[in-house]
Amino acid sequence: MTPILAGFRCGRLGWNGHDLLVTTGHVPEQRMRAHYEIVKRHGLVGARDGLPWRHDPMTRIRTAQAAGMDVI
């Protein structure tokens, strides 16, 4: 069986500084954990997520682990 993963974008527009993670609240101090909970309610336990340099990767990894998500 092929697993289906949730996916979260982590793009940033260089010309205006728009950070998609901040805009969507997919950062540990906002709604990242809630997003993972929504994904789990839909039966998914894995996700593809970004580790951009401008956000602390360890905090993002710990948030995913605390939510019980396997993230690549």
N, C-alpha and C. Protein backbone atom coordinates (compact mmCIF):
# COMPACT_ATOMS: atom_id res chain seq x y z
N MET A 1 0.84 -1.18 0.00
CA MET A 1 0.00 0.00 0.00
C MET A 1 0.89 1.25 0.00
N THR A 2 0.58 2.17 -0.84
CA THR A 2 1.33 3.42 -0.93
C THR A 2 0.80 4.41 0.10
N PRO A 3 1.65 4.92 0.97
CA PRO A 3 1.17 5.88 1.97
C PRO A 3 0.83 7.22 1.34
N ILE A 4 -0.16 7.87 1.89
CA ILE A 4 -0.52 9.22 1.47
C ILE A 4 -0.06 10.16 2.57
N LEU A 5 0.70 11.16 2.18
CA LEU A 5 1.24 12.12 3.14
C LEU A 5 0.53 13.46 3.00
N ALA A 6 0.35 14.12 4.12
CA ALA A 6 -0.09 15.51 4.08
C ALA A 6 1.12 16.34 3.63
N GLY A 7 0.88 17.52 3.14
CA GLY A 7 1.99 18.37 2.70
C GLY A 7 1.79 19.81 3.11
N PHE A 8 2.86 20.42 3.57
CA PHE A 8 2.82 21.81 3.99
C PHE A 8 3.92 22.58 3.25
N ARG A 9 3.56 23.68 2.66
CA ARG A 9 4.49 24.53 1.92
C ARG A 9 5.23 25.47 2.85
N CYS A 10 6.47 25.75 2.52
CA CYS A 10 7.26 26.65 3.37
C CYS A 10 7.95 27.73 2.55
N GLY A 11 7.31 28.15 1.48
CA GLY A 11 7.91 29.12 0.58
C GLY A 11 8.02 30.52 1.18
N ARG A 12 8.96 31.26 0.62
CA ARG A 12 9.14 32.66 1.00
C ARG A 12 9.44 33.44 -0.27
N LEU A 13 8.74 34.53 -0.45
CA LEU A 13 8.96 35.37 -1.62
C LEU A 13 10.03 36.40 -1.30
N GLY A 14 11.14 36.32 -2.00
CA GLY A 14 12.27 37.18 -1.72
C GLY A 14 12.02 38.65 -1.96
N TRP A 15 11.20 38.98 -2.95
CA TRP A 15 11.02 40.40 -3.29
C TRP A 15 10.16 41.15 -2.30
N ASN A 16 9.34 40.45 -1.53
CA ASN A 16 8.52 41.18 -0.55
C ASN A 16 8.56 40.55 0.85
N GLY A 17 9.31 39.47 1.01
CA GLY A 17 9.47 38.85 2.32
C GLY A 17 8.28 38.03 2.80
N HIS A 18 7.31 37.78 1.92
CA HIS A 18 6.14 37.00 2.31
C HIS A 18 6.57 35.59 2.72
N ASP A 19 6.24 35.19 3.93
CA ASP A 19 6.60 33.88 4.48
C ASP A 19 5.31 33.08 4.62
N LEU A 20 5.16 32.05 3.80
CA LEU A 20 3.94 31.26 3.78
C LEU A 20 3.66 30.57 5.12
N LEU A 21 4.70 30.14 5.82
CA LEU A 21 4.49 29.50 7.12
C LEU A 21 3.86 30.47 8.12
N VAL A 22 4.32 31.71 8.11
CA VAL A 22 3.76 32.70 9.02
C VAL A 22 2.33 33.06 8.60
N THR A 23 2.11 33.24 7.29
CA THR A 23 0.79 33.59 6.79
C THR A 23 -0.25 32.54 7.15
N THR A 24 0.11 31.26 7.05
CA THR A 24 -0.83 30.18 7.35
C THR A 24 -0.83 29.78 8.82
N GLY A 25 0.08 30.35 9.59
CA GLY A 25 0.17 30.00 11.00
C GLY A 25 0.79 28.64 11.25
N HIS A 26 1.47 28.07 10.25
CA HIS A 26 2.06 26.74 10.39
C HIS A 26 3.45 26.84 11.02
N VAL A 27 3.47 27.47 12.18
CA VAL A 27 4.69 27.59 12.98
C VAL A 27 4.34 27.13 14.39
N PRO A 28 5.32 26.59 15.13
CA PRO A 28 5.04 26.01 16.44
C PRO A 28 4.29 26.93 17.40
N GLU A 29 4.59 28.21 17.38
CA GLU A 29 3.95 29.13 18.32
C GLU A 29 2.54 29.55 17.88
N GLN A 30 2.09 29.05 16.73
CA GLN A 30 0.74 29.38 16.28
C GLN A 30 -0.07 28.10 16.08
N ARG A 31 -0.32 27.68 14.83
CA ARG A 31 -1.27 26.59 14.58
C ARG A 31 -0.66 25.30 14.04
N MET A 32 0.65 25.16 14.07
CA MET A 32 1.29 23.97 13.51
C MET A 32 0.75 22.68 14.13
N ARG A 33 0.69 22.63 15.45
CA ARG A 33 0.17 21.43 16.13
C ARG A 33 -1.28 21.16 15.74
N ALA A 34 -2.10 22.20 15.67
CA ALA A 34 -3.51 22.04 15.28
C ALA A 34 -3.61 21.52 13.84
N HIS A 35 -2.73 21.96 12.97
CA HIS A 35 -2.73 21.47 11.59
C HIS A 35 -2.46 19.97 11.56
N TYR A 36 -1.50 19.52 12.36
CA TYR A 36 -1.21 18.09 12.43
C TYR A 36 -2.40 17.31 12.99
N GLU A 37 -3.10 17.87 13.95
CA GLU A 37 -4.27 17.19 14.51
C GLU A 37 -5.37 17.05 13.46
N ILE A 38 -5.55 18.05 12.63
CA ILE A 38 -6.53 17.97 11.54
C ILE A 38 -6.16 16.85 10.58
N VAL A 39 -4.88 16.79 10.22
CA VAL A 39 -4.39 15.74 9.33
C VAL A 39 -4.66 14.36 9.92
N LYS A 40 -4.38 14.19 11.21
CA LYS A 40 -4.61 12.91 11.86
C LYS A 40 -6.08 12.53 11.88
N ARG A 41 -6.96 13.50 12.05
CA ARG A 41 -8.41 13.21 12.02
C ARG A 41 -8.85 12.68 10.66
N HIS A 42 -8.09 13.00 9.63
CA HIS A 42 -8.38 12.50 8.28
C HIS A 42 -7.69 11.16 8.02
N GLY A 43 -7.05 10.59 9.04
CA GLY A 43 -6.45 9.27 8.92
C GLY A 43 -5.02 9.23 8.46
N LEU A 44 -4.38 10.39 8.31
CA LEU A 44 -2.99 10.42 7.89
C LEU A 44 -2.08 10.57 9.10
N VAL A 45 -0.96 9.88 9.08
CA VAL A 45 -0.03 9.96 10.21
C VAL A 45 1.35 10.46 9.78
N GLY A 46 1.46 10.83 8.51
CA GLY A 46 2.74 11.32 8.00
C GLY A 46 2.54 12.58 7.19
N ALA A 47 3.61 13.36 7.10
CA ALA A 47 3.54 14.62 6.35
C ALA A 47 4.89 14.98 5.77
N ARG A 48 4.84 15.75 4.70
CA ARG A 48 6.02 16.39 4.15
C ARG A 48 5.95 17.83 4.62
N ASP A 49 6.99 18.27 5.24
CA ASP A 49 7.00 19.61 5.81
C ASP A 49 8.36 20.23 5.57
N GLY A 50 8.42 21.54 5.64
CA GLY A 50 9.67 22.24 5.38
C GLY A 50 10.45 22.54 6.65
N LEU A 51 11.75 22.65 6.48
CA LEU A 51 12.64 23.09 7.56
C LEU A 51 13.44 24.29 7.05
N PRO A 52 12.77 25.40 6.82
CA PRO A 52 13.48 26.56 6.30
C PRO A 52 14.44 27.14 7.33
N TRP A 53 15.49 27.74 6.85
CA TRP A 53 16.54 28.26 7.73
C TRP A 53 16.06 29.37 8.65
N ARG A 54 15.02 30.09 8.27
CA ARG A 54 14.58 31.23 9.07
C ARG A 54 13.66 30.83 10.23
N HIS A 55 13.36 29.54 10.34
CA HIS A 55 12.55 29.03 11.47
C HIS A 55 13.37 27.94 12.16
N ASP A 56 13.35 27.91 13.48
CA ASP A 56 14.14 26.94 14.24
C ASP A 56 13.71 25.51 13.90
N PRO A 57 14.58 24.74 13.24
CA PRO A 57 14.19 23.39 12.83
C PRO A 57 13.89 22.46 14.01
N MET A 58 14.63 22.58 15.10
CA MET A 58 14.40 21.67 16.23
C MET A 58 13.03 21.90 16.86
N THR A 59 12.60 23.13 16.94
CA THR A 59 11.27 23.41 17.48
C THR A 59 10.20 22.82 16.57
N ARG A 60 10.41 22.92 15.28
CA ARG A 60 9.45 22.34 14.32
C ARG A 60 9.42 20.82 14.44
N ILE A 61 10.59 20.20 14.58
CA ILE A 61 10.67 18.74 14.70
C ILE A 61 10.00 18.29 16.00
N ARG A 62 10.26 18.99 17.09
CA ARG A 62 9.64 18.63 18.38
C ARG A 62 8.12 18.78 18.34
N THR A 63 7.64 19.79 17.64
CA THR A 63 6.19 19.98 17.52
C THR A 63 5.57 18.81 16.76
N ALA A 64 6.21 18.38 15.69
CA ALA A 64 5.71 17.23 14.92
C ALA A 64 5.73 15.96 15.78
N GLN A 65 6.80 15.75 16.50
CA GLN A 65 6.90 14.56 17.37
C GLN A 65 5.82 14.58 18.44
N ALA A 66 5.60 15.75 19.06
CA ALA A 66 4.58 15.86 20.11
C ALA A 66 3.18 15.58 19.57
N ALA A 67 2.98 15.88 18.29
CA ALA A 67 1.68 15.62 17.67
C ALA A 67 1.56 14.18 17.17
N GLY A 68 2.64 13.41 17.28
CA GLY A 68 2.61 12.02 16.83
C GLY A 68 2.69 11.88 15.32
N MET A 69 3.28 12.85 14.64
CA MET A 69 3.38 12.83 13.19
C MET A 69 4.77 12.38 12.77
N ASP A 70 4.82 11.52 11.76
CA ASP A 70 6.08 11.17 11.10
C ASP A 70 6.24 12.18 9.98
N VAL A 71 7.28 12.98 10.04
CA VAL A 71 7.47 14.05 9.07
C VAL A 71 8.77 13.84 8.31
N ILE A 72 8.67 14.02 7.00
CA ILE A 72 9.87 13.98 6.15
C ILE A 72 10.09 15.34 5.55
